[in-house]
Amino acid sequence: MAEHMMELRAAYEADAVATGNPRLLLTAAVATGLGNMDAAYEIPQISQSLDFINLMTYDLRGAFEHFSFYPIIEPNMTFHHTTTRPSPEDTVDVQRFTVEWAANEWLKRGCPKDKLVLGLGAYGHTFTLVDSNQNGINAPASGPGSSAYYTGTEGAWSYYEVCEKLNSGFKTSYDPVRQVVYAYSTTEWVAYDDLKSIYDKVS
């Protein structure tokens, strides 16, 4: 991969010289998982060629956990897909699926800090609560939440659909350890980002 990046960067530079136009930017969207980093990226080498690197720090957890090969499956519990920082109560595997861990790991492996861009998700993941009195992160859940009117996707709401739910009486809660926000009603639960949780991520 690094060799192809170098070839493409050289072609962009040659094009800029030949045309007199500004050089095209070379960027990449990259994964956060430990296995992806080990198998797919020569981080110091590709960082030399890329102008900036978009780290996909969203959907850190999701429906893919239901596959049998996935190591941290908790299909009957709520979770946040863009957890900023780990909680001591999380397992070691779960603690790796956080924005903080992913960003630090890319930096530790040789990505320059000034090239790393955090990707943020403007949507929510939903669950159906088993017990309305248990409504935090890791609360018992029977499965994904219902689909919303506009997007029509089970288990996911767009940000404006989350806002509609908030305006209709959902209660919001902020987890100060994980630095994430979520909202709930009697049986519906949604994890999403607001201004505070995004500020926590970028600061």
C-alpha atoms as a PDB file:
ATOM      1  CA  MET A   1       0.000   0.000   0.000  1.00  0.00           C
ATOM      2  CA  ALA A   2       2.781   2.436   0.899  1.00  0.00           C
ATOM      3  CA  GLU A   3       4.421   1.961  -2.503  1.00  0.00           C
ATOM      4  CA  HIS A   4       1.182   2.801  -4.315  1.00  0.00           C
ATOM      5  CA  MET A   5       0.773   5.900  -2.155  1.00  0.00           C
ATOM      6  CA  MET A   6       4.260   7.057  -3.104  1.00  0.00           C
ATOM      7  CA  GLU A   7       3.557   6.498  -6.798  1.00  0.00           C
ATOM      8  CA  LEU A   8       0.305   8.431  -6.606  1.00  0.00           C
ATOM      9  CA  ARG A   9       1.923  11.307  -4.680  1.00  0.00           C
ATOM     10  CA  ALA A  10       4.674  11.505  -7.315  1.00  0.00           C
ATOM     11  CA  ALA A  11       2.061  11.574 -10.088  1.00  0.00           C
ATOM     12  CA  TYR A  12       0.183  14.392  -8.357  1.00  0.00           C
ATOM     13  CA  GLU A  13       3.384  16.397  -7.991  1.00  0.00           C
ATOM     14  CA  ALA A  14       4.284  15.837 -11.652  1.00  0.00           C
ATOM     15  CA  ASP A  15       0.806  16.910 -12.710  1.00  0.00           C
ATOM     16  CA  ALA A  16       1.107  20.135 -10.716  1.00  0.00           C
ATOM     17  CA  VAL A  17       4.415  20.956 -12.385  1.00  0.00           C
ATOM     18  CA  ALA A  18       3.092  20.148 -15.869  1.00  0.00           C
ATOM     19  CA  THR A  19      -0.196  22.071 -15.556  1.00  0.00           C
ATOM     20  CA  GLY A  20       0.740  24.874 -13.183  1.00  0.00           C
ATOM     21  CA  ASN A  21      -2.276  23.972 -11.075  1.00  0.00           C
ATOM     22  CA  PRO A  22      -2.108  23.428  -7.307  1.00  0.00           C
ATOM     23  CA  ARG A  23      -1.171  19.861  -6.436  1.00  0.00           C
ATOM     24  CA  LEU A  24      -4.105  17.584  -5.735  1.00  0.00           C
ATOM     25  CA  LEU A  25      -4.442  16.510  -2.112  1.00  0.00           C
ATOM     26  CA  LEU A  26      -3.858  12.851  -1.309  1.00  0.00           C
ATOM     27  CA  THR A  27      -5.905  11.590   1.648  1.00  0.00           C
ATOM     28  CA  ALA A  28      -7.234   8.326   3.035  1.00  0.00           C
ATOM     29  CA  ALA A  29     -10.021   7.158   5.330  1.00  0.00           C
ATOM     30  CA  VAL A  30      -8.591   4.534   7.668  1.00  0.00           C
ATOM     31  CA  ALA A  31      -9.961   2.015  10.149  1.00  0.00           C
ATOM     32  CA  THR A  32      -9.445   1.978  13.908  1.00  0.00           C
ATOM     33  CA  GLY A  33      -9.397  -1.696  14.812  1.00  0.00           C
ATOM     34  CA  LEU A  34      -6.223  -3.352  16.063  1.00  0.00           C
ATOM     35  CA  GLY A  35      -6.460  -6.094  13.443  1.00  0.00           C
ATOM     36  CA  ASN A  36      -6.858  -3.533  10.671  1.00  0.00           C
ATOM     37  CA  MET A  37      -3.816  -1.596  11.820  1.00  0.00           C
ATOM     38  CA  ASP A  38      -1.695  -4.732  11.998  1.00  0.00           C
ATOM     39  CA  ALA A  39      -2.739  -6.155   8.634  1.00  0.00           C
ATOM     40  CA  ALA A  40      -3.586  -3.223   6.380  1.00  0.00           C
ATOM     41  CA  TYR A  41      -1.448  -0.172   7.120  1.00  0.00           C
ATOM     42  CA  GLU A  42       2.251   0.666   7.026  1.00  0.00           C
ATOM     43  CA  ILE A  43       1.543   3.753   9.075  1.00  0.00           C
ATOM     44  CA  PRO A  44       4.917   5.569   9.043  1.00  0.00           C
ATOM     45  CA  GLN A  45       5.321   5.022   5.298  1.00  0.00           C
ATOM     46  CA  ILE A  46       1.831   6.013   4.162  1.00  0.00           C
ATOM     47  CA  SER A  47       1.898   9.033   6.475  1.00  0.00           C
ATOM     48  CA  GLN A  48       4.797  10.442   4.469  1.00  0.00           C
ATOM     49  CA  SER A  49       2.758  10.441   1.263  1.00  0.00           C
ATOM     50  CA  LEU A  50      -0.656  11.455   2.589  1.00  0.00           C
ATOM     51  CA  ASP A  51      -1.640  15.082   3.216  1.00  0.00           C
ATOM     52  CA  PHE A  52      -4.049  14.065   5.956  1.00  0.00           C
ATOM     53  CA  ILE A  53      -5.529  10.878   7.342  1.00  0.00           C
ATOM     54  CA  ASN A  54      -9.234  10.569   8.204  1.00  0.00           C
ATOM     55  CA  LEU A  55      -9.605   8.216  11.176  1.00  0.00           C
ATOM     56  CA  MET A  56     -13.029   6.573  11.144  1.00  0.00           C
ATOM     57  CA  THR A  57     -13.849   7.021  14.823  1.00  0.00           C
ATOM     58  CA  TYR A  58     -17.519   6.150  14.432  1.00  0.00           C
ATOM     59  CA  ASP A  59     -19.290   2.799  14.392  1.00  0.00           C
ATOM     60  CA  LEU A  60     -16.552   1.618  16.722  1.00  0.00           C
ATOM     61  CA  ARG A  61     -19.182  -0.826  17.886  1.00  0.00           C
ATOM     62  CA  GLY A  62     -22.203  -1.981  15.950  1.00  0.00           C
ATOM     63  CA  ALA A  63     -24.238  -4.774  14.408  1.00  0.00           C
ATOM     64  CA  PHE A  64     -21.073  -6.449  13.113  1.00  0.00           C
ATOM     65  CA  GLU A  65     -20.522  -7.701  16.661  1.00  0.00           C
ATOM     66  CA  HIS A  66     -23.190 -10.312  16.042  1.00  0.00           C
ATOM     67  CA  PHE A  67     -20.825 -12.292  13.818  1.00  0.00           C
ATOM     68  CA  SER A  68     -19.380 -15.277  15.672  1.00  0.00           C
ATOM     69  CA  PHE A  69     -15.754 -14.323  15.012  1.00  0.00           C
ATOM     70  CA  TYR A  70     -16.108 -10.946  16.730  1.00  0.00           C
ATOM     71  CA  PRO A  71     -14.456 -11.027  20.184  1.00  0.00           C
ATOM     72  CA  ILE A  72     -16.527  -8.593  22.284  1.00  0.00           C
ATOM     73  CA  ILE A  73     -20.114  -9.355  21.352  1.00  0.00           C
ATOM     74  CA  GLU A  74     -22.707  -8.148  23.851  1.00  0.00           C
ATOM     75  CA  PRO A  75     -25.860  -8.443  21.726  1.00  0.00           C
ATOM     76  CA  ASN A  76     -28.275  -7.987  24.616  1.00  0.00           C
ATOM     77  CA  MET A  77     -26.916  -4.727  25.998  1.00  0.00           C
ATOM     78  CA  THR A  78     -26.928  -1.076  24.970  1.00  0.00           C
ATOM     79  CA  PHE A  79     -23.598   0.449  23.957  1.00  0.00           C
ATOM     80  CA  HIS A  80     -22.258   3.642  22.437  1.00  0.00           C
ATOM     81  CA  HIS A  81     -20.765   3.502  18.933  1.00  0.00           C
ATOM     82  CA  THR A  82     -18.495   6.553  19.396  1.00  0.00           C
ATOM     83  CA  THR A  83     -17.246   6.191  22.969  1.00  0.00           C
ATOM     84  CA  THR A  84     -14.663   8.879  23.662  1.00  0.00           C
ATOM     85  CA  ARG A  85     -12.814   7.245  26.557  1.00  0.00           C
ATOM     86  CA  PRO A  86     -12.976   3.789  28.142  1.00  0.00           C
ATOM     87  CA  SER A  87     -14.619   3.019  31.449  1.00  0.00           C
ATOM     88  CA  PRO A  88     -12.872   0.864  34.106  1.00  0.00           C
ATOM     89  CA  GLU A  89     -15.872  -1.451  34.024  1.00  0.00           C
ATOM     90  CA  ASP A  90     -15.291  -2.253  30.322  1.00  0.00           C
ATOM     91  CA  THR A  91     -13.292  -5.301  29.294  1.00  0.00           C
ATOM     92  CA  VAL A  92      -9.870  -4.760  27.710  1.00  0.00           C
ATOM     93  CA  ASP A  93     -11.321  -5.558  24.270  1.00  0.00           C
ATOM     94  CA  VAL A  94     -14.113  -3.018  24.694  1.00  0.00           C
ATOM     95  CA  GLN A  95     -11.673  -0.370  25.952  1.00  0.00           C
ATOM     96  CA  ARG A  96      -9.858  -0.570  22.597  1.00  0.00           C
ATOM     97  CA  PHE A  97     -13.027   0.488  20.798  1.00  0.00           C
ATOM     98  CA  THR A  98     -12.831   4.132  21.843  1.00  0.00           C
ATOM     99  CA  VAL A  99     -11.852   7.342  20.070  1.00  0.00           C
ATOM    100  CA  GLU A 100      -9.033   7.980  22.544  1.00  0.00           C
ATOM    101  CA  TRP A 101      -7.457   4.538  22.103  1.00  0.00           C
ATOM    102  CA  ALA A 102      -7.711   4.611  18.297  1.00  0.00           C
ATOM    103  CA  ALA A 103      -6.208   8.087  17.935  1.00  0.00           C
ATOM    104  CA  ASN A 104      -3.379   7.376  20.385  1.00  0.00           C
ATOM    105  CA  GLU A 105      -2.596   4.065  18.685  1.00  0.00           C
ATOM    106  CA  TRP A 106      -2.288   5.704  15.260  1.00  0.00           C
ATOM    107  CA  LEU A 107      -0.021   8.360  16.740  1.00  0.00           C
ATOM    108  CA  LYS A 108       2.057   5.762  18.585  1.00  0.00           C
ATOM    109  CA  ARG A 109       2.536   3.816  15.365  1.00  0.00           C
ATOM    110  CA  GLY A 110       3.960   6.793  13.499  1.00  0.00           C
ATOM    111  CA  CYS A 111       1.131   8.995  12.213  1.00  0.00           C
ATOM    112  CA  PRO A 112       1.999  12.716  12.601  1.00  0.00           C
ATOM    113  CA  LYS A 113      -0.453  14.473  14.877  1.00  0.00           C
ATOM    114  CA  ASP A 114      -0.963  17.342  12.440  1.00  0.00           C
ATOM    115  CA  LYS A 115      -2.182  14.920   9.749  1.00  0.00           C
ATOM    116  CA  LEU A 116      -4.714  13.001  11.829  1.00  0.00           C
ATOM    117  CA  VAL A 117      -8.377  14.002  11.393  1.00  0.00           C
ATOM    118  CA  LEU A 118     -11.126  12.526  13.586  1.00  0.00           C
ATOM    119  CA  GLY A 119     -14.154  11.297  11.689  1.00  0.00           C
ATOM    120  CA  LEU A 120     -17.398  11.963  13.573  1.00  0.00           C
ATOM    121  CA  GLY A 121     -20.798  10.387  12.994  1.00  0.00           C
ATOM    122  CA  ALA A 122     -23.880  12.626  12.869  1.00  0.00           C
ATOM    123  CA  TYR A 123     -26.396   9.885  13.614  1.00  0.00           C
ATOM    124  CA  GLY A 124     -27.529   7.627  16.436  1.00  0.00           C
ATOM    125  CA  HIS A 125     -27.638   3.886  17.102  1.00  0.00           C
ATOM    126  CA  THR A 126     -30.779   2.650  18.845  1.00  0.00           C
ATOM    127  CA  PHE A 127     -31.835  -0.210  21.086  1.00  0.00           C
ATOM    128  CA  THR A 128     -35.067  -1.506  22.611  1.00  0.00           C
ATOM    129  CA  LEU A 129     -34.828  -1.564  26.407  1.00  0.00           C
ATOM    130  CA  VAL A 130     -35.930  -4.629  28.341  1.00  0.00           C
ATOM    131  CA  ASP A 131     -36.564  -2.718  31.567  1.00  0.00           C
ATOM    132  CA  SER A 132     -37.436   0.995  31.532  1.00  0.00           C
ATOM    133  CA  ASN A 133     -35.777   1.384  34.943  1.00  0.00           C
ATOM    134  CA  GLN A 134     -32.417   0.256  33.518  1.00  0.00           C
ATOM    135  CA  ASN A 135     -31.561   2.819  30.890  1.00  0.00           C
ATOM    136  CA  GLY A 136     -27.813   3.479  30.982  1.00  0.00           C
ATOM    137  CA  ILE A 137     -24.932   2.157  28.921  1.00  0.00           C
ATOM    138  CA  ASN A 138     -24.787  -1.655  29.181  1.00  0.00           C
ATOM    139  CA  ALA A 139     -28.504  -1.753  30.081  1.00  0.00           C
ATOM    140  CA  PRO A 140     -30.373  -4.925  29.066  1.00  0.00           C
ATOM    141  CA  ALA A 141     -31.735  -4.667  25.521  1.00  0.00           C
ATOM    142  CA  SER A 142     -33.819  -6.994  23.392  1.00  0.00           C
ATOM    143  CA  GLY A 143     -32.372  -5.795  20.102  1.00  0.00           C
ATOM    144  CA  PRO A 144     -32.137  -2.737  17.842  1.00  0.00           C
ATOM    145  CA  GLY A 145     -34.602   0.108  18.136  1.00  0.00           C
ATOM    146  CA  SER A 146     -37.419   0.733  15.697  1.00  0.00           C
ATOM    147  CA  SER A 147     -36.805   2.510  12.427  1.00  0.00           C
ATOM    148  CA  ALA A 148     -37.509   6.241  12.217  1.00  0.00           C
ATOM    149  CA  TYR A 149     -39.889   7.832   9.733  1.00  0.00           C
ATOM    150  CA  TYR A 150     -37.425   9.395   7.293  1.00  0.00           C
ATOM    151  CA  THR A 151     -34.448   7.052   7.172  1.00  0.00           C
ATOM    152  CA  GLY A 152     -36.469   3.874   7.753  1.00  0.00           C
ATOM    153  CA  THR A 153     -33.464   1.950   9.092  1.00  0.00           C
ATOM    154  CA  GLU A 154     -33.890  -0.363  12.060  1.00  0.00           C
ATOM    155  CA  GLY A 155     -31.368   0.425  14.780  1.00  0.00           C
ATOM    156  CA  ALA A 156     -30.243   3.792  13.382  1.00  0.00           C
ATOM    157  CA  TRP A 157     -31.589   7.357  13.360  1.00  0.00           C
ATOM    158  CA  SER A 158     -30.214  10.392  11.596  1.00  0.00           C
ATOM    159  CA  TYR A 159     -29.275  13.324  13.815  1.00  0.00           C
ATOM    160  CA  TYR A 160     -32.386  15.301  12.899  1.00  0.00           C
ATOM    161  CA  GLU A 161     -34.495  12.269  13.823  1.00  0.00           C
ATOM    162  CA  VAL A 162     -32.705  12.102  17.177  1.00  0.00           C
ATOM    163  CA  CYS A 163     -33.540  15.800  17.645  1.00  0.00           C
ATOM    164  CA  GLU A 164     -37.214  15.078  16.961  1.00  0.00           C
ATOM    165  CA  LYS A 165     -37.148  12.423  19.687  1.00  0.00           C
ATOM    166  CA  LEU A 166     -35.502  14.862  22.103  1.00  0.00           C
ATOM    167  CA  ASN A 167     -38.224  17.414  21.354  1.00  0.00           C
ATOM    168  CA  SER A 168     -40.901  14.798  21.987  1.00  0.00           C
ATOM    169  CA  GLY A 169     -39.867  14.131  25.573  1.00  0.00           C
ATOM    170  CA  PHE A 170     -36.844  11.801  25.540  1.00  0.00           C
ATOM    171  CA  LYS A 171     -34.640  12.172  28.597  1.00  0.00           C
ATOM    172  CA  THR A 172     -30.951  12.775  27.979  1.00  0.00           C
ATOM    173  CA  SER A 173     -27.997  11.606  30.032  1.00  0.00           C
ATOM    174  CA  TYR A 174     -24.255  12.242  29.863  1.00  0.00           C
ATOM    175  CA  ASP A 175     -21.703   9.622  30.885  1.00  0.00           C
ATOM    176  CA  PRO A 176     -18.819  11.670  32.368  1.00  0.00           C
ATOM    177  CA  VAL A 177     -16.356   8.774  32.239  1.00  0.00           C
ATOM    178  CA  ARG A 178     -16.963   7.635  28.678  1.00  0.00           C
ATOM    179  CA  GLN A 179     -17.766  11.253  27.704  1.00  0.00           C
ATOM    180  CA  VAL A 180     -20.779  10.363  25.590  1.00  0.00           C
ATOM    181  CA  VAL A 181     -24.438  11.288  25.547  1.00  0.00           C
ATOM    182  CA  TYR A 182     -27.511   9.114  25.111  1.00  0.00           C
ATOM    183  CA  ALA A 183     -31.273   9.497  25.400  1.00  0.00           C
ATOM    184  CA  TYR A 184     -34.177   7.238  26.255  1.00  0.00           C
ATOM    185  CA  SER A 185     -37.918   6.958  26.710  1.00  0.00           C
ATOM    186  CA  THR A 186     -39.841   4.034  28.189  1.00  0.00           C
ATOM    187  CA  THR A 187     -38.455   1.393  25.816  1.00  0.00           C
ATOM    188  CA  GLU A 188     -36.425   3.323  23.227  1.00  0.00           C
ATOM    189  CA  TRP A 189     -32.730   4.121  23.707  1.00  0.00           C
ATOM    190  CA  VAL A 190     -30.357   5.996  21.413  1.00  0.00           C
ATOM    191  CA  ALA A 191     -26.621   6.724  21.503  1.00  0.00           C
ATOM    192  CA  TYR A 192     -25.517   9.832  19.609  1.00  0.00           C
ATOM    193  CA  ASP A 193     -23.192  12.846  19.778  1.00  0.00           C
ATOM    194  CA  ASP A 194     -24.068  16.406  20.735  1.00  0.00           C
ATOM    195  CA  LEU A 195     -21.945  19.568  20.977  1.00  0.00           C
ATOM    196  CA  LYS A 196     -20.513  18.594  24.377  1.00  0.00           C
ATOM    197  CA  SER A 197     -19.470  15.067  23.422  1.00  0.00           C
ATOM    198  CA  ILE A 198     -17.966  16.267  20.131  1.00  0.00           C
ATOM    199  CA  TYR A 199     -16.037  18.950  22.019  1.00  0.00           C
ATOM    200  CA  ASP A 200     -14.737  16.231  24.345  1.00  0.00           C
ATOM    201  CA  LYS A 201     -13.527  14.207  21.371  1.00  0.00           C
ATOM    202  CA  VAL A 202     -11.680  17.002  19.599  1.00  0.00           C
ATOM    203  CA  SER A 203     -10.157  18.489  22.756  1.00  0.00           C
END
